[in-house]
Amino acid sequence: MRLHSLKVALVSAAFLTLSGCQSAYYAAWEKVGVEKRDILVDRVENAKESQEDAQEQFSSALEEFSALINFDGGELEDVYNELNSQFEDSQAAAEEVNTRIDNVESVAEALFDEWEDELEKYQNDSLKRDSANKLRDTRRRYETMIKAMRKAESRMDPILTAFQDNVLYLKHNLNASAIGALQGELNEIQGDVQQLIQEMNDAIAESDAFINTLKN
């Protein structure tokens, strides 16, 4: 379930008067009927979308780098500018993934803390045990998902470093011999991007499984 746009507008207006603390943030959502569980689902979906966008962007950057290696004439400066643009877009995509995973962790921590505290309010032991079991299972599923997200996320930095090195080298050596020097980098970058895409697919699958857990 994605958060309703009207609720988003209402809460966004309320945020103008809030100090920015997390408790006030979640309290404002709850006033319009949106619980931490709903926010967590929404943020997991956002994180999943950012990973899908990053997959596309890193693949696009790899294609541009491959085109550079196969360069057979034209303005090398134009090729450099395009490659640099792809690097910057990949960097922005990676930052978005990081931010959205951080957002998932933030609300998940608040949700689990609240759930743990509320277990003590039960008077019925059977219901309390059932809720505690559900908390344990949900947290275990969450930890599997967030581990997969962070693992995929960690694959981006080495690729960005390689892209940056190649962009800088090309910038400082705008000639055909520079392209020859970069050819040895292509296979390694291809392998890294393929691994990134596979691990992001794993994280996306875990995200879907976790969302189903929360909804059911």
N, C-alpha and C. Protein backbone atom coordinates (compact mmCIF):
# COMPACT_ATOMS: atom_id res chain seq x y z
N MET A 1 0.85 -1.19 0.00
CA MET A 1 0.00 0.00 0.00
C MET A 1 0.88 1.24 0.00
N ARG A 2 0.76 2.08 -0.99
CA ARG A 2 1.49 3.32 -1.04
C ARG A 2 0.70 4.38 -0.31
N LEU A 3 1.40 5.35 0.30
CA LEU A 3 0.72 6.38 1.08
C LEU A 3 -0.09 7.28 0.17
N HIS A 4 -1.28 7.57 0.60
CA HIS A 4 -2.20 8.36 -0.21
C HIS A 4 -1.68 9.78 -0.35
N SER A 5 -1.80 10.36 -1.54
CA SER A 5 -1.24 11.69 -1.81
C SER A 5 -1.87 12.76 -0.94
N LEU A 6 -3.16 12.59 -0.62
CA LEU A 6 -3.81 13.58 0.24
C LEU A 6 -3.20 13.55 1.64
N LYS A 7 -2.96 12.35 2.15
CA LYS A 7 -2.34 12.23 3.45
C LYS A 7 -0.94 12.82 3.44
N VAL A 8 -0.22 12.57 2.36
CA VAL A 8 1.12 13.14 2.24
C VAL A 8 1.07 14.66 2.30
N ALA A 9 0.10 15.26 1.60
CA ALA A 9 -0.02 16.71 1.59
C ALA A 9 -0.36 17.24 2.97
N LEU A 10 -1.28 16.56 3.66
CA LEU A 10 -1.68 16.99 5.00
C LEU A 10 -0.52 16.94 5.97
N VAL A 11 0.19 15.81 5.94
CA VAL A 11 1.30 15.66 6.87
C VAL A 11 2.44 16.60 6.52
N SER A 12 2.68 16.81 5.24
CA SER A 12 3.74 17.72 4.83
C SER A 12 3.48 19.12 5.36
N ALA A 13 2.21 19.54 5.34
CA ALA A 13 1.86 20.84 5.89
C ALA A 13 2.10 20.88 7.39
N ALA A 14 1.77 19.76 8.05
CA ALA A 14 1.98 19.70 9.50
C ALA A 14 3.45 19.75 9.86
N PHE A 15 4.30 19.21 8.98
CA PHE A 15 5.73 19.17 9.25
C PHE A 15 6.34 20.56 9.37
N LEU A 16 5.70 21.55 8.78
CA LEU A 16 6.23 22.91 8.83
C LEU A 16 6.34 23.42 10.26
N THR A 17 5.52 22.85 11.16
CA THR A 17 5.53 23.30 12.55
C THR A 17 6.27 22.35 13.48
N LEU A 18 6.84 21.29 12.93
CA LEU A 18 7.52 20.30 13.76
C LEU A 18 9.01 20.60 13.85
N SER A 19 9.60 20.13 14.93
CA SER A 19 11.03 20.36 15.14
C SER A 19 11.90 19.45 14.30
N GLY A 20 11.32 18.40 13.73
CA GLY A 20 12.09 17.49 12.90
C GLY A 20 12.46 16.20 13.63
N CYS A 21 12.13 16.07 14.92
CA CYS A 21 12.46 14.84 15.63
C CYS A 21 11.60 13.70 15.12
N GLN A 22 12.14 12.48 15.21
CA GLN A 22 11.45 11.33 14.64
C GLN A 22 10.11 11.06 15.33
N SER A 23 10.04 11.23 16.64
CA SER A 23 8.79 10.95 17.33
C SER A 23 7.67 11.86 16.84
N ALA A 24 7.99 13.14 16.61
CA ALA A 24 6.99 14.07 16.09
C ALA A 24 6.60 13.71 14.66
N TYR A 25 7.58 13.26 13.92
CA TYR A 25 7.34 12.86 12.52
C TYR A 25 6.32 11.72 12.46
N TYR A 26 6.56 10.67 13.24
CA TYR A 26 5.65 9.52 13.20
C TYR A 26 4.30 9.86 13.83
N ALA A 27 4.31 10.72 14.85
CA ALA A 27 3.04 11.12 15.47
C ALA A 27 2.16 11.87 14.47
N ALA A 28 2.78 12.69 13.63
CA ALA A 28 2.02 13.44 12.62
C ALA A 28 1.38 12.49 11.62
N TRP A 29 2.11 11.45 11.21
CA TRP A 29 1.53 10.47 10.30
C TRP A 29 0.36 9.74 10.96
N GLU A 30 0.56 9.37 12.22
CA GLU A 30 -0.48 8.61 12.91
C GLU A 30 -1.77 9.40 13.04
N LYS A 31 -1.67 10.72 13.11
CA LYS A 31 -2.86 11.55 13.21
C LYS A 31 -3.74 11.46 11.98
N VAL A 32 -3.15 11.09 10.85
CA VAL A 32 -3.95 10.93 9.62
C VAL A 32 -4.11 9.45 9.26
N GLY A 33 -3.90 8.60 10.26
CA GLY A 33 -4.20 7.18 10.07
C GLY A 33 -3.12 6.35 9.43
N VAL A 34 -1.89 6.86 9.41
CA VAL A 34 -0.78 6.12 8.81
C VAL A 34 0.15 5.64 9.92
N GLU A 35 0.25 4.32 10.07
CA GLU A 35 1.08 3.75 11.12
C GLU A 35 2.51 3.53 10.63
N LYS A 36 3.41 3.23 11.56
CA LYS A 36 4.82 2.99 11.21
C LYS A 36 4.94 1.83 10.23
N ARG A 37 4.09 0.84 10.38
CA ARG A 37 4.10 -0.31 9.46
C ARG A 37 3.85 0.16 8.01
N ASP A 38 2.88 1.08 7.84
CA ASP A 38 2.58 1.61 6.50
C ASP A 38 3.77 2.38 5.94
N ILE A 39 4.39 3.18 6.81
CA ILE A 39 5.56 3.97 6.38
C ILE A 39 6.71 3.04 5.99
N LEU A 40 6.89 1.97 6.76
CA LEU A 40 7.96 1.02 6.45
C LEU A 40 7.74 0.36 5.09
N VAL A 41 6.50 -0.07 4.83
CA VAL A 41 6.20 -0.65 3.52
C VAL A 41 6.52 0.34 2.40
N ASP A 42 6.09 1.59 2.60
CA ASP A 42 6.32 2.62 1.59
C ASP A 42 7.82 2.84 1.36
N ARG A 43 8.58 2.87 2.43
CA ARG A 43 10.02 3.12 2.30
C ARG A 43 10.76 1.94 1.70
N VAL A 44 10.33 0.74 2.00
CA VAL A 44 10.94 -0.43 1.37
C VAL A 44 10.68 -0.41 -0.13
N GLU A 45 9.46 -0.05 -0.51
CA GLU A 45 9.14 0.06 -1.93
C GLU A 45 9.99 1.15 -2.60
N ASN A 46 10.18 2.26 -1.90
CA ASN A 46 11.02 3.33 -2.44
C ASN A 46 12.47 2.87 -2.59
N ALA A 47 12.96 2.14 -1.60
CA ALA A 47 14.33 1.63 -1.67
C ALA A 47 14.48 0.64 -2.83
N LYS A 48 13.46 -0.18 -3.00
CA LYS A 48 13.47 -1.14 -4.11
C LYS A 48 13.52 -0.41 -5.45
N GLU A 49 12.72 0.64 -5.59
CA GLU A 49 12.71 1.42 -6.83
C GLU A 49 14.06 2.09 -7.08
N SER A 50 14.69 2.58 -6.01
CA SER A 50 15.99 3.23 -6.19
C SER A 50 17.04 2.23 -6.64
N GLN A 51 16.94 0.99 -6.18
CA GLN A 51 17.87 -0.05 -6.62
C GLN A 51 17.63 -0.40 -8.08
N GLU A 52 16.37 -0.45 -8.48
CA GLU A 52 16.06 -0.71 -9.89
C GLU A 52 16.62 0.41 -10.78
N ASP A 53 16.46 1.66 -10.31
CA ASP A 53 17.00 2.80 -11.07
C ASP A 53 18.52 2.71 -11.14
N ALA A 54 19.15 2.32 -10.04
CA ALA A 54 20.61 2.22 -10.01
C ALA A 54 21.09 1.12 -10.96
N GLN A 55 20.36 0.02 -11.03
CA GLN A 55 20.71 -1.05 -11.96
C GLN A 55 20.76 -0.50 -13.39
N GLU A 56 19.72 0.23 -13.75
CA GLU A 56 19.65 0.79 -15.10
C GLU A 56 20.78 1.79 -15.35
N GLN A 57 21.06 2.63 -14.35
CA GLN A 57 22.08 3.65 -14.52
C GLN A 57 23.48 3.04 -14.63
N PHE A 58 23.80 2.08 -13.79
CA PHE A 58 25.13 1.47 -13.86
C PHE A 58 25.29 0.69 -15.16
N SER A 59 24.21 0.08 -15.64
CA SER A 59 24.27 -0.61 -16.93
C SER A 59 24.51 0.38 -18.06
N SER A 60 23.85 1.53 -17.97
CA SER A 60 24.03 2.58 -18.98
C SER A 60 25.47 3.10 -18.98
N ALA A 61 26.03 3.29 -17.79
CA ALA A 61 27.41 3.76 -17.70
C ALA A 61 28.37 2.72 -18.27
N LEU A 62 28.09 1.45 -18.02
CA LEU A 62 28.93 0.38 -18.57
C LEU A 62 28.87 0.39 -20.09
N GLU A 63 27.69 0.59 -20.64
CA GLU A 63 27.54 0.65 -22.09
C GLU A 63 28.36 1.81 -22.67
N GLU A 64 28.35 2.94 -21.98
CA GLU A 64 29.11 4.10 -22.45
C GLU A 64 30.61 3.81 -22.39
N PHE A 65 31.03 3.14 -21.34
CA PHE A 65 32.44 2.80 -21.21
C PHE A 65 32.85 1.81 -22.30
N SER A 66 31.98 0.85 -22.59
CA SER A 66 32.24 -0.11 -23.66
C SER A 66 32.35 0.60 -25.00
N ALA A 67 31.48 1.59 -25.21
CA ALA A 67 31.53 2.37 -26.45
C ALA A 67 32.85 3.12 -26.56
N LEU A 68 33.36 3.60 -25.44
CA LEU A 68 34.64 4.30 -25.45
C LEU A 68 35.76 3.36 -25.89
N ILE A 69 35.76 2.14 -25.35
CA ILE A 69 36.82 1.18 -25.69
C ILE A 69 36.78 0.87 -27.18
N ASN A 70 35.59 0.90 -27.78
CA ASN A 70 35.43 0.60 -29.20
C ASN A 70 35.46 1.87 -30.07
N PHE A 71 35.93 2.94 -29.50
CA PHE A 71 35.98 4.23 -30.20
C PHE A 71 36.75 4.10 -31.51
N ASP A 72 36.12 4.58 -32.60
CA ASP A 72 36.78 4.47 -33.91
C ASP A 72 36.77 5.79 -34.68
N GLY A 73 36.76 6.88 -33.96
CA GLY A 73 36.81 8.17 -34.63
C GLY A 73 35.78 9.14 -34.08
N GLY A 74 36.10 10.42 -34.16
CA GLY A 74 35.20 11.45 -33.65
C GLY A 74 35.92 12.30 -32.61
N GLU A 75 35.15 13.09 -31.90
CA GLU A 75 35.72 13.98 -30.90
C GLU A 75 35.84 13.26 -29.56
N LEU A 76 37.06 13.05 -29.13
CA LEU A 76 37.27 12.37 -27.85
C LEU A 76 36.73 13.18 -26.68
N GLU A 77 36.74 14.48 -26.81
CA GLU A 77 36.22 15.32 -25.72
C GLU A 77 34.73 15.08 -25.52
N ASP A 78 34.01 14.87 -26.63
CA ASP A 78 32.58 14.56 -26.51
C ASP A 78 32.37 13.23 -25.79
N VAL A 79 33.22 12.27 -26.12
CA VAL A 79 33.13 10.97 -25.47
C VAL A 79 33.42 11.11 -23.98
N TYR A 80 34.43 11.89 -23.65
CA TYR A 80 34.76 12.13 -22.24
C TYR A 80 33.59 12.78 -21.51
N ASN A 81 32.99 13.78 -22.12
CA ASN A 81 31.87 14.48 -21.47
C ASN A 81 30.71 13.54 -21.19
N GLU A 82 30.43 12.66 -22.13
CA GLU A 82 29.33 11.71 -21.94
C GLU A 82 29.68 10.70 -20.84
N LEU A 83 30.92 10.23 -20.85
CA LEU A 83 31.33 9.28 -19.83
C LEU A 83 31.31 9.92 -18.44
N ASN A 84 31.74 11.16 -18.36
CA ASN A 84 31.73 11.88 -17.09
C ASN A 84 30.29 12.09 -16.61
N SER A 85 29.39 12.37 -17.53
CA SER A 85 27.98 12.54 -17.18
C SER A 85 27.40 11.23 -16.63
N GLN A 86 27.78 10.12 -17.26
CA GLN A 86 27.30 8.82 -16.78
C GLN A 86 27.85 8.51 -15.38
N PHE A 87 29.11 8.89 -15.16
CA PHE A 87 29.70 8.69 -13.83
C PHE A 87 28.94 9.50 -12.78
N GLU A 88 28.67 10.76 -13.08
CA GLU A 88 27.96 11.62 -12.12
C GLU A 88 26.55 11.11 -11.85
N ASP A 89 25.87 10.62 -12.90
CA ASP A 89 24.53 10.06 -12.72
C ASP A 89 24.57 8.79 -11.87
N SER A 90 25.62 7.99 -12.07
CA SER A 90 25.77 6.76 -11.28
C SER A 90 26.04 7.10 -9.82
N GLN A 91 26.84 8.13 -9.60
CA GLN A 91 27.13 8.58 -8.25
C GLN A 91 25.85 9.04 -7.55
N ALA A 92 25.02 9.80 -8.27
CA ALA A 92 23.75 10.28 -7.71
C ALA A 92 22.81 9.11 -7.42
N ALA A 93 22.79 8.12 -8.30
CA ALA A 93 21.94 6.94 -8.09
C ALA A 93 22.38 6.18 -6.85
N ALA A 94 23.68 6.06 -6.65
CA ALA A 94 24.20 5.37 -5.48
C ALA A 94 23.84 6.11 -4.20
N GLU A 95 23.92 7.42 -4.23
CA GLU A 95 23.56 8.23 -3.06
C GLU A 95 22.08 8.08 -2.72
N GLU A 96 21.25 7.99 -3.76
CA GLU A 96 19.81 7.80 -3.54
C GLU A 96 19.53 6.45 -2.90
N VAL A 97 20.22 5.42 -3.36
CA VAL A 97 20.06 4.09 -2.76
C VAL A 97 20.44 4.14 -1.28
N ASN A 98 21.57 4.77 -0.99
CA ASN A 98 22.03 4.87 0.40
C ASN A 98 21.01 5.59 1.28
N THR A 99 20.49 6.71 0.78
CA THR A 99 19.52 7.49 1.56
C THR A 99 18.27 6.69 1.83
N ARG A 100 17.78 6.00 0.83
CA ARG A 100 16.53 5.27 1.01
C ARG A 100 16.69 4.04 1.90
N ILE A 101 17.85 3.41 1.87
CA ILE A 101 18.08 2.31 2.80
C ILE A 101 18.17 2.85 4.23
N ASP A 102 18.83 3.99 4.40
CA ASP A 102 18.88 4.63 5.72
C ASP A 102 17.47 4.92 6.23
N ASN A 103 16.61 5.38 5.34
CA ASN A 103 15.22 5.69 5.72
C ASN A 103 14.46 4.44 6.15
N VAL A 104 14.74 3.34 5.48
CA VAL A 104 14.12 2.06 5.87
C VAL A 104 14.56 1.68 7.27
N GLU A 105 15.85 1.76 7.51
CA GLU A 105 16.38 1.39 8.83
C GLU A 105 15.80 2.25 9.94
N SER A 106 15.62 3.54 9.66
CA SER A 106 15.12 4.47 10.66
C SER A 106 13.72 4.09 11.13
N VAL A 107 12.81 3.88 10.19
CA VAL A 107 11.44 3.56 10.58
C VAL A 107 11.32 2.14 11.11
N ALA A 108 12.15 1.22 10.60
CA ALA A 108 12.11 -0.15 11.10
C ALA A 108 12.51 -0.19 12.57
N GLU A 109 13.53 0.54 12.93
CA GLU A 109 13.97 0.59 14.32
C GLU A 109 12.85 1.13 15.22
N ALA A 110 12.19 2.19 14.75
CA ALA A 110 11.08 2.77 15.53
C ALA A 110 9.93 1.79 15.66
N LEU A 111 9.61 1.11 14.59
CA LEU A 111 8.51 0.13 14.61
C LEU A 111 8.79 -1.01 15.57
N PHE A 112 9.98 -1.59 15.49
CA PHE A 112 10.30 -2.73 16.34
C PHE A 112 10.40 -2.32 17.81
N ASP A 113 10.93 -1.13 18.08
CA ASP A 113 10.98 -0.64 19.46
C ASP A 113 9.57 -0.48 20.04
N GLU A 114 8.69 0.10 19.24
CA GLU A 114 7.30 0.30 19.68
C GLU A 114 6.62 -1.04 19.91
N TRP A 115 6.82 -1.96 18.99
CA TRP A 115 6.21 -3.29 19.10
C TRP A 115 6.69 -4.00 20.38
N GLU A 116 8.00 -3.92 20.63
CA GLU A 116 8.58 -4.54 21.82
C GLU A 116 7.98 -3.93 23.08
N ASP A 117 7.88 -2.62 23.12
CA ASP A 117 7.32 -1.95 24.30
C ASP A 117 5.86 -2.33 24.52
N GLU A 118 5.11 -2.44 23.44
CA GLU A 118 3.68 -2.71 23.56
C GLU A 118 3.37 -4.15 23.96
N LEU A 119 4.35 -5.04 23.83
CA LEU A 119 4.15 -6.41 24.30
C LEU A 119 3.84 -6.43 25.80
N GLU A 120 4.42 -5.47 26.52
CA GLU A 120 4.24 -5.43 27.97
C GLU A 120 2.83 -4.97 28.37
N LYS A 121 2.08 -4.46 27.44
CA LYS A 121 0.73 -3.99 27.74
C LYS A 121 -0.31 -5.10 27.69
N TYR A 122 0.06 -6.26 27.13
CA TYR A 122 -0.89 -7.37 27.02
C TYR A 122 -1.25 -7.92 28.40
N GLN A 123 -2.51 -8.24 28.59
CA GLN A 123 -2.99 -8.96 29.76
C GLN A 123 -3.20 -10.44 29.44
N ASN A 124 -3.45 -10.72 28.16
CA ASN A 124 -3.69 -12.10 27.72
C ASN A 124 -2.36 -12.72 27.29
N ASP A 125 -1.92 -13.74 28.02
CA ASP A 125 -0.61 -14.35 27.75
C ASP A 125 -0.53 -15.00 26.38
N SER A 126 -1.62 -15.60 25.94
CA SER A 126 -1.63 -16.27 24.64
C SER A 126 -1.45 -15.26 23.50
N LEU A 127 -2.20 -14.16 23.58
CA LEU A 127 -2.06 -13.12 22.56
C LEU A 127 -0.67 -12.49 22.59
N LYS A 128 -0.14 -12.34 23.79
CA LYS A 128 1.20 -11.76 23.93
C LYS A 128 2.24 -12.65 23.27
N ARG A 129 2.16 -13.96 23.51
CA ARG A 129 3.10 -14.90 22.89
C ARG A 129 2.99 -14.87 21.38
N ASP A 130 1.76 -14.83 20.88
CA ASP A 130 1.55 -14.81 19.43
C ASP A 130 2.16 -13.55 18.82
N SER A 131 1.93 -12.42 19.48
CA SER A 131 2.48 -11.16 18.97
C SER A 131 4.01 -11.16 19.04
N ALA A 132 4.55 -11.71 20.12
CA ALA A 132 6.01 -11.79 20.26
C ALA A 132 6.62 -12.67 19.17
N ASN A 133 5.94 -13.77 18.84
CA ASN A 133 6.41 -14.64 17.77
C ASN A 133 6.39 -13.92 16.42
N LYS A 134 5.32 -13.15 16.20
CA LYS A 134 5.22 -12.40 14.95
C LYS A 134 6.31 -11.32 14.87
N LEU A 135 6.59 -10.69 15.99
CA LEU A 135 7.67 -9.70 16.02
C LEU A 135 8.99 -10.36 15.69
N ARG A 136 9.27 -11.50 16.28
CA ARG A 136 10.53 -12.20 16.03
C ARG A 136 10.65 -12.58 14.55
N ASP A 137 9.57 -13.12 13.98
CA ASP A 137 9.60 -13.54 12.58
C ASP A 137 9.75 -12.34 11.63
N THR A 138 9.05 -11.26 11.96
CA THR A 138 9.12 -10.06 11.11
C THR A 138 10.51 -9.45 11.17
N ARG A 139 11.09 -9.42 12.37
CA ARG A 139 12.43 -8.86 12.52
C ARG A 139 13.46 -9.72 11.79
N ARG A 140 13.31 -11.03 11.86
CA ARG A 140 14.23 -11.92 11.16
C ARG A 140 14.15 -11.71 9.65
N ARG A 141 12.94 -11.58 9.13
CA ARG A 141 12.77 -11.33 7.70
C ARG A 141 13.35 -9.97 7.32
N TYR A 142 13.14 -9.00 8.18
CA TYR A 142 13.69 -7.66 7.93
C TYR A 142 15.22 -7.69 7.89
N GLU A 143 15.82 -8.38 8.85
CA GLU A 143 17.29 -8.43 8.91
C GLU A 143 17.88 -9.09 7.68
N THR A 144 17.20 -10.10 7.15
CA THR A 144 17.63 -10.75 5.91
C THR A 144 17.57 -9.75 4.76
N MET A 145 16.48 -8.99 4.71
CA MET A 145 16.31 -8.01 3.63
C MET A 145 17.35 -6.89 3.71
N ILE A 146 17.52 -6.32 4.89
CA ILE A 146 18.42 -5.17 5.01
C ILE A 146 19.86 -5.59 4.77
N LYS A 147 20.21 -6.82 5.15
CA LYS A 147 21.56 -7.34 4.88
C LYS A 147 21.78 -7.44 3.37
N ALA A 148 20.76 -7.91 2.64
CA ALA A 148 20.88 -8.02 1.18
C ALA A 148 20.99 -6.64 0.55
N MET A 149 20.22 -5.68 1.07
CA MET A 149 20.30 -4.30 0.56
C MET A 149 21.69 -3.71 0.77
N ARG A 150 22.22 -3.87 1.97
CA ARG A 150 23.54 -3.30 2.28
C ARG A 150 24.65 -4.00 1.49
N LYS A 151 24.49 -5.29 1.28
CA LYS A 151 25.51 -6.02 0.50
C LYS A 151 25.56 -5.50 -0.93
N ALA A 152 24.37 -5.31 -1.53
CA ALA A 152 24.32 -4.77 -2.89
C ALA A 152 24.85 -3.35 -2.92
N GLU A 153 24.47 -2.57 -1.92
CA GLU A 153 24.93 -1.19 -1.84
C GLU A 153 26.45 -1.11 -1.81
N SER A 154 27.08 -2.02 -1.08
CA SER A 154 28.54 -1.99 -0.93
C SER A 154 29.27 -2.26 -2.24
N ARG A 155 28.57 -2.87 -3.19
CA ARG A 155 29.19 -3.18 -4.49
C ARG A 155 29.33 -1.93 -5.35
N MET A 156 28.59 -0.88 -5.02
CA MET A 156 28.60 0.30 -5.89
C MET A 156 29.87 1.12 -5.76
N ASP A 157 30.41 1.24 -4.56
CA ASP A 157 31.58 2.10 -4.35
C ASP A 157 32.79 1.69 -5.19
N PRO A 158 33.16 0.39 -5.23
CA PRO A 158 34.31 0.02 -6.07
C PRO A 158 34.08 0.33 -7.55
N ILE A 159 32.84 0.18 -8.02
CA ILE A 159 32.54 0.48 -9.42
C ILE A 159 32.65 1.98 -9.67
N LEU A 160 32.12 2.77 -8.73
CA LEU A 160 32.23 4.23 -8.87
C LEU A 160 33.68 4.67 -8.87
N THR A 161 34.48 4.04 -8.02
CA THR A 161 35.92 4.37 -7.99
C THR A 161 36.58 4.07 -9.32
N ALA A 162 36.24 2.91 -9.90
CA ALA A 162 36.82 2.54 -11.19
C ALA A 162 36.35 3.49 -12.29
N PHE A 163 35.06 3.83 -12.27
CA PHE A 163 34.56 4.79 -13.25
C PHE A 163 35.28 6.13 -13.12
N GLN A 164 35.42 6.59 -11.89
CA GLN A 164 36.07 7.89 -11.67
C GLN A 164 37.52 7.88 -12.15
N ASP A 165 38.24 6.81 -11.84
CA ASP A 165 39.63 6.71 -12.28
C ASP A 165 39.73 6.78 -13.80
N ASN A 166 38.84 6.06 -14.47
CA ASN A 166 38.88 6.04 -15.93
C ASN A 166 38.48 7.39 -16.52
N VAL A 167 37.49 8.04 -15.92
CA VAL A 167 37.08 9.36 -16.39
C VAL A 167 38.22 10.36 -16.23
N LEU A 168 38.88 10.33 -15.09
CA LEU A 168 40.00 11.24 -14.85
C LEU A 168 41.16 10.97 -15.80
N TYR A 169 41.45 9.69 -16.02
CA TYR A 169 42.55 9.34 -16.93
C TYR A 169 42.26 9.83 -18.33
N LEU A 170 41.02 9.65 -18.76
CA LEU A 170 40.65 10.11 -20.10
C LEU A 170 40.71 11.63 -20.18
N LYS A 171 40.28 12.30 -19.12
CA LYS A 171 40.31 13.77 -19.09
C LYS A 171 41.73 14.29 -19.26
N HIS A 172 42.69 13.61 -18.64
CA HIS A 172 44.07 14.08 -18.66
C HIS A 172 44.84 13.58 -19.88
N ASN A 173 44.23 12.68 -20.65
CA ASN A 173 44.92 12.10 -21.81
C ASN A 173 43.93 11.91 -22.96
N LEU A 174 43.48 13.00 -23.53
CA LEU A 174 42.48 12.93 -24.60
C LEU A 174 43.13 12.52 -25.92
N ASN A 175 43.52 11.25 -25.99
CA ASN A 175 44.12 10.74 -27.22
C ASN A 175 43.83 9.25 -27.33
N ALA A 176 44.08 8.69 -28.51
CA ALA A 176 43.74 7.30 -28.78
C ALA A 176 44.53 6.34 -27.90
N SER A 177 45.77 6.69 -27.56
CA SER A 177 46.57 5.80 -26.72
C SER A 177 45.95 5.65 -25.33
N ALA A 178 45.24 6.69 -24.86
CA ALA A 178 44.59 6.62 -23.56
C ALA A 178 43.51 5.54 -23.57
N ILE A 179 42.80 5.44 -24.68
CA ILE A 179 41.76 4.41 -24.79
C ILE A 179 42.37 3.02 -24.70
N GLY A 180 43.51 2.85 -25.36
CA GLY A 180 44.19 1.56 -25.30
C GLY A 180 44.58 1.19 -23.88
N ALA A 181 44.98 2.20 -23.11
CA ALA A 181 45.39 1.95 -21.72
C ALA A 181 44.20 1.55 -20.86
N LEU A 182 42.99 1.93 -21.26
CA LEU A 182 41.81 1.64 -20.47
C LEU A 182 41.16 0.31 -20.83
N GLN A 183 41.59 -0.30 -21.91
CA GLN A 183 40.93 -1.52 -22.37
C GLN A 183 40.97 -2.64 -21.33
N GLY A 184 42.07 -2.71 -20.59
CA GLY A 184 42.20 -3.76 -19.60
C GLY A 184 41.23 -3.62 -18.44
N GLU A 185 40.67 -2.43 -18.27
CA GLU A 185 39.74 -2.19 -17.17
C GLU A 185 38.33 -2.74 -17.46
N LEU A 186 38.00 -2.88 -18.74
CA LEU A 186 36.61 -3.17 -19.12
C LEU A 186 36.10 -4.47 -18.55
N ASN A 187 36.87 -5.55 -18.69
CA ASN A 187 36.39 -6.85 -18.22
C ASN A 187 36.10 -6.85 -16.73
N GLU A 188 36.99 -6.22 -15.96
CA GLU A 188 36.80 -6.18 -14.52
C GLU A 188 35.54 -5.38 -14.15
N ILE A 189 35.35 -4.25 -14.82
CA ILE A 189 34.17 -3.43 -14.54
C ILE A 189 32.90 -4.17 -14.95
N GLN A 190 32.95 -4.86 -16.09
CA GLN A 190 31.79 -5.63 -16.53
C GLN A 190 31.40 -6.67 -15.47
N GLY A 191 32.40 -7.37 -14.95
CA GLY A 191 32.13 -8.38 -13.94
C GLY A 191 31.55 -7.78 -12.67
N ASP A 192 32.08 -6.62 -12.28
CA ASP A 192 31.58 -5.96 -11.07
C ASP A 192 30.14 -5.48 -11.25
N VAL A 193 29.82 -4.93 -12.42
CA VAL A 193 28.46 -4.45 -12.66
C VAL A 193 27.48 -5.62 -12.70
N GLN A 194 27.89 -6.72 -13.33
CA GLN A 194 27.03 -7.90 -13.37
C GLN A 194 26.75 -8.43 -11.96
N GLN A 195 27.78 -8.43 -11.12
CA GLN A 195 27.60 -8.88 -9.75
C GLN A 195 26.68 -7.94 -8.97
N LEU A 196 26.86 -6.63 -9.21
CA LEU A 196 26.00 -5.64 -8.57
C LEU A 196 24.54 -5.86 -8.94
N ILE A 197 24.28 -6.06 -10.23
CA ILE A 197 22.91 -6.25 -10.70
C ILE A 197 22.30 -7.50 -10.08
N GLN A 198 23.08 -8.58 -10.00
CA GLN A 198 22.57 -9.82 -9.41
C GLN A 198 22.24 -9.64 -7.94
N GLU A 199 23.12 -8.96 -7.21
CA GLU A 199 22.89 -8.78 -5.78
C GLU A 199 21.74 -7.81 -5.53
N MET A 200 21.56 -6.85 -6.41
CA MET A 200 20.40 -5.96 -6.29
C MET A 200 19.12 -6.74 -6.59
N ASN A 201 19.17 -7.65 -7.54
CA ASN A 201 18.00 -8.50 -7.80
C ASN A 201 17.65 -9.33 -6.56
N ASP A 202 18.68 -9.83 -5.88
CA ASP A 202 18.45 -10.59 -4.65
C ASP A 202 17.80 -9.70 -3.59
N ALA A 203 18.31 -8.46 -3.46
CA ALA A 203 17.76 -7.53 -2.47
C ALA A 203 16.32 -7.15 -2.80
N ILE A 204 16.04 -6.98 -4.08
CA ILE A 204 14.69 -6.65 -4.51
C ILE A 204 13.73 -7.80 -4.20
N ALA A 205 14.19 -9.02 -4.42
CA ALA A 205 13.36 -10.19 -4.10
C ALA A 205 13.09 -10.28 -2.60
N GLU A 206 14.11 -9.99 -1.80
CA GLU A 206 13.93 -9.98 -0.34
C GLU A 206 12.97 -8.86 0.08
N SER A 207 13.02 -7.74 -0.62
CA SER A 207 12.12 -6.63 -0.32
C SER A 207 10.67 -7.04 -0.57
N ASP A 208 10.44 -7.69 -1.69
CA ASP A 208 9.08 -8.16 -2.01
C ASP A 208 8.59 -9.15 -0.94
N ALA A 209 9.47 -10.04 -0.52
CA ALA A 209 9.09 -11.04 0.50
C ALA A 209 8.77 -10.35 1.82
N PHE A 210 9.55 -9.35 2.17
CA PHE A 210 9.32 -8.64 3.43
C PHE A 210 8.02 -7.85 3.38
N ILE A 211 7.77 -7.21 2.26
CA ILE A 211 6.50 -6.45 2.11
C ILE A 211 5.32 -7.39 2.27
N ASN A 212 5.41 -8.58 1.67
CA ASN A 212 4.33 -9.56 1.81
C ASN A 212 4.15 -9.99 3.25
N THR A 213 5.26 -10.10 3.98
CA THR A 213 5.18 -10.46 5.40
C THR A 213 4.41 -9.41 6.17
N LEU A 214 4.70 -8.14 5.92
CA LEU A 214 4.02 -7.07 6.63
C LEU A 214 2.53 -6.98 6.26
N LYS A 215 2.25 -7.18 5.00
CA LYS A 215 0.86 -7.05 4.55
C LYS A 215 0.00 -8.22 5.02
N ASN A 216 0.64 -9.35 5.26
CA ASN A 216 -0.12 -10.54 5.68
C ASN A 216 -0.09 -10.74 7.18
